[in-house]
Protein backbone atom coordinates (compact mmCIF):
# COMPACT_ATOMS: atom_id res chain seq x y z
CA UNK A 1 208.61 97.42 20.46
CA UNK A 2 209.25 99.68 23.44
CA UNK A 3 212.46 97.74 24.26
CA UNK A 4 213.63 97.96 20.66
CA UNK A 5 213.42 101.76 20.83
CA UNK A 6 215.85 101.76 23.75
CA UNK A 7 218.41 99.82 21.77
CA UNK A 8 221.32 97.92 23.34
CA UNK A 9 222.17 98.99 26.82
CA UNK A 10 223.07 97.86 30.27
CA UNK A 11 220.32 95.49 31.40
CA UNK A 12 222.17 94.16 34.42
CA UNK A 13 220.37 93.81 37.74
CA UNK A 14 221.41 95.64 40.87
CA UNK A 15 220.76 94.94 44.53
CA UNK A 16 218.18 97.07 46.32
CA UNK A 17 218.84 99.10 49.47
CA UNK A 18 216.61 97.22 51.91
CA UNK A 19 217.23 96.94 55.64
CA UNK A 20 218.16 93.72 57.34
CA UNK A 21 214.80 93.58 59.12
CA UNK A 22 212.89 92.95 55.88
CA UNK A 23 211.39 89.53 55.16
CA UNK A 24 213.51 88.28 52.28
CA UNK A 25 213.18 91.27 49.98
CA UNK A 26 216.95 91.86 50.05
CA UNK A 27 217.31 89.12 47.43
CA UNK A 28 215.21 91.05 44.90
CA UNK A 29 217.22 92.84 42.16
CA UNK A 30 216.06 95.72 39.92
CA UNK A 31 217.11 97.01 36.51
CA UNK A 32 218.36 100.61 36.20
CA UNK A 33 216.66 100.98 32.80
CA UNK A 34 213.17 100.30 34.20
CA UNK A 35 212.02 103.96 34.11
CA UNK A 36 213.23 104.24 30.52
CA UNK A 37 211.23 101.17 29.50
CA UNK A 38 208.09 102.62 31.18
CA UNK A 39 208.50 105.94 29.35
CA UNK A 40 209.02 104.17 26.02
CA UNK A 41 205.96 101.98 26.58
CA UNK A 42 203.70 104.93 27.37
CA UNK A 43 204.83 106.78 24.26
CA UNK A 44 204.35 103.84 21.90
CA UNK A 45 201.61 104.24 19.28
CA UNK A 46 200.72 102.00 16.35
CA UNK A 47 197.69 100.68 14.41
CA UNK A 48 196.95 97.01 14.79
CA UNK A 49 194.19 94.62 13.74
CA UNK A 50 191.85 95.89 16.49
CA UNK A 51 192.62 99.57 15.88
CA UNK A 52 195.01 102.16 17.28
CA UNK A 53 197.20 101.19 20.23
CA UNK A 54 197.81 103.94 22.79
CA UNK A 55 198.24 104.00 26.56
CA UNK A 56 196.96 106.94 28.56
CA UNK A 57 196.75 107.34 32.34
CA UNK A 58 198.09 103.85 32.74
CA UNK A 59 195.27 102.25 30.70
CA UNK A 60 194.82 101.17 27.12
CA UNK A 61 192.75 103.71 25.20
CA UNK A 62 190.02 102.24 23.07
CA UNK A 63 189.74 103.71 19.61
CA UNK A 64 186.13 102.58 18.86
CA UNK A 65 183.43 100.08 19.78
CA UNK A 66 181.33 98.34 17.19
CA UNK A 67 177.61 98.41 18.16
CA UNK A 68 175.92 95.13 17.20
CA UNK A 69 172.18 94.35 17.23
CA UNK A 70 171.74 90.68 18.19
CA UNK A 71 168.66 89.17 16.52
CA UNK A 72 167.95 85.60 17.50
CA UNK A 73 171.10 83.65 16.63
CA UNK A 74 172.37 86.30 14.20
CA UNK A 75 173.71 89.82 14.45
CA UNK A 76 173.63 93.09 12.54
CA UNK A 77 175.89 96.12 12.79
CA UNK A 78 174.21 99.35 13.89
CA UNK A 79 177.10 101.79 14.21
CA UNK A 80 180.27 102.65 16.12
CA UNK A 81 181.18 104.44 19.32
CA UNK A 82 184.38 106.52 19.53
CA UNK A 83 185.74 108.52 22.46
CA UNK A 84 185.82 111.70 20.40
CA UNK A 85 182.60 111.52 18.32
CA UNK A 86 180.32 109.25 20.35
CA UNK A 87 177.88 107.08 18.35
CA UNK A 88 178.44 107.40 14.59
CA UNK A 89 177.40 105.50 11.49
CA UNK A 90 180.98 104.66 10.45
CA UNK A 91 184.19 104.55 12.48
CA UNK A 92 186.01 106.99 10.17
CA UNK A 93 183.25 109.60 10.08
CA UNK A 94 181.60 112.05 12.43
CA UNK A 95 178.03 111.72 11.09
CA UNK A 96 175.45 110.62 13.64
CA UNK A 97 172.66 110.27 11.08
CA UNK A 98 171.41 107.18 9.22
CA UNK A 99 172.01 104.77 12.08
CA UNK A 100 170.46 101.41 11.33
CA UNK A 101 167.17 100.62 13.08
CA UNK A 102 167.31 98.38 16.12
CA UNK A 103 165.12 95.29 16.34
CA UNK A 104 164.13 94.69 19.97
CA UNK A 105 163.31 91.32 21.61
CA UNK A 106 160.15 89.86 20.19
CA UNK A 107 160.99 91.43 16.80
CA UNK A 108 159.39 94.67 17.91
CA UNK A 109 160.55 98.00 16.43
CA UNK A 110 159.34 99.93 19.50
CA UNK A 111 161.66 100.60 22.42
CA UNK A 112 160.65 98.53 25.50
CA UNK A 113 160.31 99.97 28.97
CA UNK A 114 163.38 98.08 30.10
CA UNK A 115 165.36 94.93 29.55
CA UNK A 116 163.28 91.84 28.83
CA UNK A 117 164.65 88.34 29.29
CA UNK A 118 164.62 86.41 26.01
CA UNK A 119 161.42 84.35 25.73
CA UNK A 120 161.77 83.24 22.12
CA UNK A 121 158.83 85.45 21.24
CA UNK A 122 156.41 83.56 23.54
CA UNK A 123 153.95 85.36 25.79
CA UNK A 124 153.21 84.38 29.36
CA UNK A 125 150.12 82.21 29.59
CA UNK A 126 147.87 83.61 32.34
CA UNK A 127 145.10 81.25 33.38
CA UNK A 128 141.79 82.75 34.50
CA UNK A 129 138.81 80.96 36.09
CA UNK A 130 135.51 80.64 34.26
CA UNK A 131 132.36 80.91 36.39
CA UNK A 132 128.70 81.77 35.95
CA UNK A 133 128.15 83.95 38.99
CA UNK A 134 130.08 86.48 41.08
CA UNK A 135 131.43 88.05 37.89
CA UNK A 136 132.52 91.18 39.76
CA UNK A 137 135.89 89.52 40.38
CA UNK A 138 136.48 87.78 37.04
CA UNK A 139 134.21 87.82 34.01
CA UNK A 140 134.90 86.01 30.73
CA UNK A 141 132.76 87.10 27.77
CA UNK A 142 132.96 86.33 24.06
CA UNK A 143 131.99 88.38 21.05
CA UNK A 144 130.09 86.06 18.68
CA UNK A 145 130.85 88.34 15.71
CA UNK A 146 134.62 88.72 16.08
CA UNK A 147 135.06 85.48 18.10
CA UNK A 148 137.29 87.33 20.56
CA UNK A 149 137.44 86.80 24.31
CA UNK A 150 137.12 89.74 26.69
CA UNK A 151 138.22 89.27 30.30
CA UNK A 152 137.33 91.91 32.90
CA UNK A 153 136.77 92.17 36.64
CA UNK A 154 138.30 93.45 39.85
CA UNK A 155 141.15 90.90 39.91
CA UNK A 156 141.97 91.53 36.24
CA UNK A 157 142.09 95.30 36.80
CA UNK A 158 144.56 94.90 39.69
CA UNK A 159 146.79 92.58 37.64
CA UNK A 160 146.88 94.91 34.64
CA UNK A 161 147.65 97.94 36.80
CA UNK A 162 150.57 96.09 38.40
CA UNK A 163 151.93 95.07 35.00
CA UNK A 164 151.75 98.65 33.76
CA UNK A 165 153.81 99.91 36.70
CA UNK A 166 156.70 97.50 36.01
CA UNK A 167 159.85 99.19 34.64
CA UNK A 168 159.97 96.65 31.82
CA UNK A 169 157.50 95.14 29.38
CA UNK A 170 156.19 91.61 29.98
CA UNK A 171 154.10 90.19 27.12
CA UNK A 172 151.23 87.98 28.29
CA UNK A 173 147.92 86.56 27.18
CA UNK A 174 144.85 85.34 29.08
CA UNK A 175 143.85 81.69 28.76
CA UNK A 176 140.39 80.84 30.20
CA UNK A 177 140.30 77.58 32.15
CA UNK A 178 137.35 76.09 30.32
CA UNK A 179 136.07 73.17 28.29
CA UNK A 180 135.35 73.40 24.54
CA UNK A 181 131.72 74.30 25.28
CA UNK A 182 132.73 77.30 27.43
CA UNK A 183 132.11 75.73 30.86
CA UNK A 184 134.54 75.67 33.78
CA UNK A 185 137.14 72.94 33.27
CA UNK A 186 137.41 72.16 36.98
CA UNK A 187 137.69 73.52 40.49
CA UNK A 188 140.06 76.19 41.75
CA UNK A 189 142.43 73.50 43.03
CA UNK A 190 142.62 72.03 39.53
CA UNK A 191 143.16 75.49 38.05
CA UNK A 192 146.07 76.24 40.41
CA UNK A 193 147.60 72.82 39.72
CA UNK A 194 147.99 73.85 36.05
CA UNK A 195 150.72 76.25 37.19
CA UNK A 196 152.52 73.44 39.00
CA UNK A 197 152.19 71.27 35.87
CA UNK A 198 153.66 74.19 33.83
CA UNK A 199 150.64 74.44 31.56
CA UNK A 200 150.12 78.02 32.76
CA UNK A 201 152.80 80.49 33.79
CA UNK A 202 150.48 82.14 36.33
CA UNK A 203 146.84 82.35 37.40
CA UNK A 204 144.93 85.60 37.93
CA UNK A 205 141.55 85.53 39.65
CA UNK A 206 139.69 85.14 42.91
CA UNK A 207 141.92 82.35 44.16
CA UNK A 208 142.25 81.83 47.90
CA UNK A 209 145.60 81.39 49.62
CA UNK A 210 145.62 77.98 51.34
CA UNK A 211 148.42 76.11 53.07
CA UNK A 212 148.16 73.04 50.84
CA UNK A 213 148.15 75.19 47.70
CA UNK A 214 151.27 77.04 48.86
CA UNK A 215 153.16 73.75 48.71
CA UNK A 216 152.99 73.83 44.91
CA UNK A 217 152.71 77.50 43.87
CA UNK A 218 153.62 80.94 45.19
CA UNK A 219 150.97 83.58 45.90
CA UNK A 220 151.13 87.35 45.84
CA UNK A 221 150.22 89.40 48.88
CA UNK A 222 146.44 89.31 49.57
CA UNK A 223 144.47 92.32 48.37
CA UNK A 224 141.02 91.37 49.67
CA UNK A 225 139.64 90.38 53.06
CA UNK A 226 140.01 86.68 53.78
CA UNK A 227 137.99 84.28 55.88
CA UNK A 228 134.95 82.00 55.77
CA UNK A 229 131.53 83.11 57.00
CA UNK A 230 128.12 81.54 57.48
CA UNK A 231 124.97 83.18 56.14
CA UNK A 232 121.49 82.23 57.41
CA UNK A 233 117.97 83.63 56.99
CA UNK A 234 116.71 86.11 59.54
CA UNK A 235 113.42 86.47 61.40
CA UNK A 236 111.76 89.88 61.30
CA UNK A 237 110.87 90.43 64.94
CA UNK A 238 108.94 93.70 64.81
CA UNK A 239 105.30 93.51 65.89
CA UNK A 240 102.78 95.21 63.64
CA UNK A 241 99.67 95.22 65.85
CA UNK A 242 98.06 98.03 67.81
CA UNK A 243 99.52 96.76 71.11
CA UNK A 244 103.11 97.35 70.08
CA UNK A 245 103.47 100.06 72.74
CA UNK A 246 103.34 97.33 75.41
CA UNK A 247 106.40 95.52 74.01
CA UNK A 248 109.16 97.65 75.60
CA UNK A 249 108.34 96.24 79.05
CA UNK A 250 107.58 92.70 80.09
CA UNK A 251 104.24 91.79 81.63
CA UNK A 252 105.88 91.25 85.01
CA UNK A 253 107.30 94.75 84.93
CA UNK A 254 103.96 96.25 83.85
CA UNK A 255 102.12 94.58 86.73
CA UNK A 256 104.86 95.50 89.24
CA UNK A 257 104.86 99.13 88.13
CA UNK A 258 101.07 99.38 88.39
CA UNK A 259 101.12 97.92 91.91
CA UNK A 260 103.81 100.39 92.97
CA UNK A 261 101.79 103.31 91.59
CA UNK A 262 98.80 102.29 93.70
CA UNK A 263 101.01 101.58 96.70
CA UNK A 264 102.71 105.02 96.54
CA UNK A 265 99.31 106.68 96.23
CA UNK A 266 98.10 104.83 99.32
CA UNK A 267 101.26 105.72 101.29
CA UNK A 268 100.94 109.44 100.47
CA UNK A 269 97.20 109.38 101.36
CA UNK A 270 98.02 107.72 104.70
CA UNK A 271 100.61 110.40 105.55
CA UNK A 272 98.56 113.40 104.34
CA UNK A 273 94.81 112.85 104.81
CA UNK A 274 94.85 113.74 108.52
CA UNK A 275 96.68 117.05 108.08
CA UNK A 276 95.99 117.95 104.45
CA UNK A 277 92.51 118.98 103.26
CA UNK A 278 93.36 118.00 99.65
CA UNK A 279 93.27 114.34 100.70
CA UNK A 280 89.93 114.59 102.62
CA UNK A 281 86.33 114.28 101.53
CA UNK A 282 83.94 111.46 100.70
CA UNK A 283 85.34 107.95 100.52
CA UNK A 284 84.97 107.77 96.74
CA UNK A 285 86.79 111.09 96.44
CA UNK A 286 89.67 109.84 98.58
CA UNK A 287 89.98 106.59 96.53
CA UNK A 288 90.05 108.64 93.33
CA UNK A 289 92.67 110.92 94.81
CA UNK A 290 94.91 107.92 95.60
CA UNK A 291 94.86 106.69 91.98
CA UNK A 292 94.97 110.17 90.43
CA UNK A 293 97.88 111.38 92.53
CA UNK A 294 100.11 108.36 91.91
CA UNK A 295 99.60 108.20 88.13
CA UNK A 296 99.83 111.99 87.69
CA UNK A 297 103.42 111.80 88.91
CA UNK A 298 104.32 110.22 85.53
CA UNK A 299 104.13 113.70 83.99
CA UNK A 300 104.72 115.59 87.26
CA UNK A 301 101.23 117.14 87.00
CA UNK A 302 99.80 116.43 90.48
CA UNK A 303 97.66 119.30 91.87
CA UNK A 304 97.57 118.23 95.51
CA UNK A 305 99.96 119.91 97.92
CA UNK A 306 102.32 117.83 100.07
CA UNK A 307 102.51 119.05 103.68
CA UNK A 308 104.21 116.24 105.58
CA UNK A 309 107.99 116.12 105.43
CA UNK A 310 107.92 112.32 105.47
CA UNK A 311 105.59 112.33 102.46
CA UNK A 312 107.91 114.74 100.69
CA UNK A 313 110.85 112.35 101.27
CA UNK A 314 108.81 109.45 99.81
CA UNK A 315 107.93 111.59 96.79
CA UNK A 316 111.60 112.45 96.14
CA UNK A 317 112.46 108.74 95.94
CA UNK A 318 109.37 108.03 93.83
CA UNK A 319 110.16 110.83 91.36
CA UNK A 320 113.61 109.34 90.81
CA UNK A 321 112.09 105.87 90.18
CA UNK A 322 109.52 107.32 87.75
CA UNK A 323 112.25 109.20 85.88
CA UNK A 324 114.29 106.02 85.35
CA UNK A 325 111.19 104.04 84.32
CA UNK A 326 109.99 106.60 81.77
CA UNK A 327 113.44 107.07 80.22
CA UNK A 328 113.97 103.32 79.87
CA UNK A 329 110.56 102.88 78.29
CA UNK A 330 111.17 105.74 75.84
CA UNK A 331 114.55 104.36 74.77
CA UNK A 332 113.25 100.83 74.26
CA UNK A 333 110.15 101.95 72.38
CA UNK A 334 112.19 104.26 70.12
CA UNK A 335 114.61 101.43 69.34
CA UNK A 336 111.73 99.12 68.41
CA UNK A 337 110.27 101.67 66.00
CA UNK A 338 113.50 102.78 64.34
CA UNK A 339 115.93 99.81 64.42
CA UNK A 340 115.18 96.60 62.56
CA UNK A 341 114.64 93.76 64.97
CA UNK A 342 116.47 90.97 63.11
CA UNK A 343 117.13 87.57 64.60
CA UNK A 344 119.10 84.78 62.87
CA UNK A 345 117.36 81.46 62.50
CA UNK A 346 120.57 79.50 63.27
CA UNK A 347 123.54 80.58 65.37
CA UNK A 348 125.45 77.32 65.89
CA UNK A 349 127.17 75.14 63.28
CA UNK A 350 126.78 72.08 65.49
CA UNK A 351 123.02 72.57 65.35
CA UNK A 352 123.14 72.24 61.56
CA UNK A 353 125.15 69.02 61.81
CA UNK A 354 123.00 67.57 64.59
CA UNK A 355 119.66 68.23 62.85
CA UNK A 356 120.90 67.20 59.40
CA UNK A 357 120.10 70.53 57.74
CA UNK A 358 121.08 71.14 54.12
CA UNK A 359 123.79 73.78 53.62
CA UNK A 360 125.14 75.47 50.49
CA UNK A 361 128.60 76.20 49.13
CA UNK A 362 129.90 77.92 46.01
CA UNK A 363 130.62 75.59 43.12
CA UNK A 364 134.35 74.91 42.66
CA UNK A 365 135.35 76.45 45.98
CA UNK A 366 137.50 74.87 48.68
CA UNK A 367 134.49 75.27 51.01
CA UNK A 368 133.28 71.81 49.94
CA UNK A 369 136.35 70.13 51.47
CA UNK A 370 136.09 72.45 54.47
CA UNK A 371 132.48 71.35 55.18
CA UNK A 372 133.37 67.68 54.83
CA UNK A 373 136.17 68.23 57.33
CA UNK A 374 133.58 69.77 59.68
CA UNK A 375 131.69 66.40 59.59
CA UNK A 376 128.82 67.56 57.36
CA UNK A 377 127.07 64.76 55.49
CA UNK A 378 127.99 65.05 51.80
CA UNK A 379 124.38 64.36 50.82
CA UNK A 380 123.33 67.56 52.64
CA UNK A 381 125.78 69.78 50.73
CA UNK A 382 124.23 71.82 47.92
CA UNK A 383 126.30 73.85 45.45
CA UNK A 384 125.31 77.16 43.89
CA UNK A 385 126.85 79.32 41.15
CA UNK A 386 125.37 82.80 41.63
CA UNK A 387 123.76 85.03 44.27
CA UNK A 388 120.41 84.60 42.51
CA UNK A 389 120.62 80.84 42.84
CA UNK A 390 121.61 81.21 46.50
CA UNK A 391 118.55 83.38 47.15
CA UNK A 392 116.33 80.73 45.55
CA UNK A 393 117.75 78.00 47.78
CA UNK A 394 117.10 80.10 50.90
CA UNK A 395 113.54 80.80 49.75
CA UNK A 396 112.76 77.09 49.45
CA UNK A 397 114.25 76.13 52.79
CA UNK A 398 115.96 72.92 53.81
CA UNK A 399 112.75 70.86 53.83
CA UNK A 400 111.73 71.84 50.29
CA UNK A 401 115.00 71.11 48.52
CA UNK A 402 116.68 74.37 49.52
CA UNK A 403 119.16 75.13 52.26
CA UNK A 404 119.10 76.36 55.85
CA UNK A 405 122.53 78.02 55.74
CA UNK A 406 125.38 78.74 53.34
CA UNK A 407 129.14 78.92 53.80
CA UNK A 408 131.33 81.09 51.62
CA UNK A 409 134.27 83.48 51.70
CA UNK A 410 133.75 86.99 53.07
CA UNK A 411 134.29 88.87 49.76
CA UNK A 412 131.49 86.84 48.13
CA UNK A 413 129.22 87.33 51.14
CA UNK A 414 129.53 91.10 50.77
CA UNK A 415 128.29 90.78 47.19
CA UNK A 416 125.35 88.52 48.05
């Protein structure tokens, strides 16, 4: 059309003025009517099947866009967009009102937080463990009146907070991993395998990150302390008799200290009784002075004067020894009266294996396989479901059908 406007003319090609050093461009020929064709093309305007044709700034100007709402496999027109009027109901009007309602993915009339990948209206199936005890992490309850399932707990709260912070909406539903009678359908390994088998889209709960599990599923970053710990009963070591004040020092130290008190009293009497009248008198008086003087140094309340310089030097050393002795006794006695003297009954795992003691583990946990790997006899492994049941097993003891120790993960131990 632009060429037709120019009409018949000279369309011959002419050589270009290019130097000899160019790389073959001297063979290229140009038409002298090229600028006229460009001007005619830019000024061409017409209405075609797709709308008005017009070129501006070297680009084709779009007259309008038709806004289409895709619903499933069908579509529905919502309005038009024009460069001059923006979004309008019809392409030949300027009214922005009465735009048709948009149906969002999932056939929802509400505007989502962001773009959602098509899921054919299906919600993500989130598997959750079902357990009797340690419900602080995950708790599954049912309302017998409405027959609805309520799932709460620390892990559930973290998951829901994360989902709320996403810039887009992700529909999901909780699916308890249970049997028809409401009991746990298997161990945690079996629960996690449901994700690998594509029966669940994800699992939320107190699941532990293990190397063998990571071969089949991906885990989020850990948000609790990890590790396995052993819990054993303790022995209350505090004495409750009237002779508790003798406990801070051993009997050997008591006897040694008493002998030194008498010895220091005798040394001071030997150095002073010839020149000091306070250490003279009847024999019974002198013996009493020896004992009185040495023991009175405990509170620095001796009345006798020291005259000899040698005796004074001995007393300086003895005062330093008495000061250390009294301070050590005071610290030990105070610790015994104020700090609980707790002693574990078992400190070595090998001792449990060697003596054949019964040990406990949480039902459904990976601890069972861990204990078997540690060479524990399977007949000595006792499972428990709650902290109350664990306390009962410890109360009975290993010889009465209970346990001598229990192994569990650190977060559960802090709840026990």
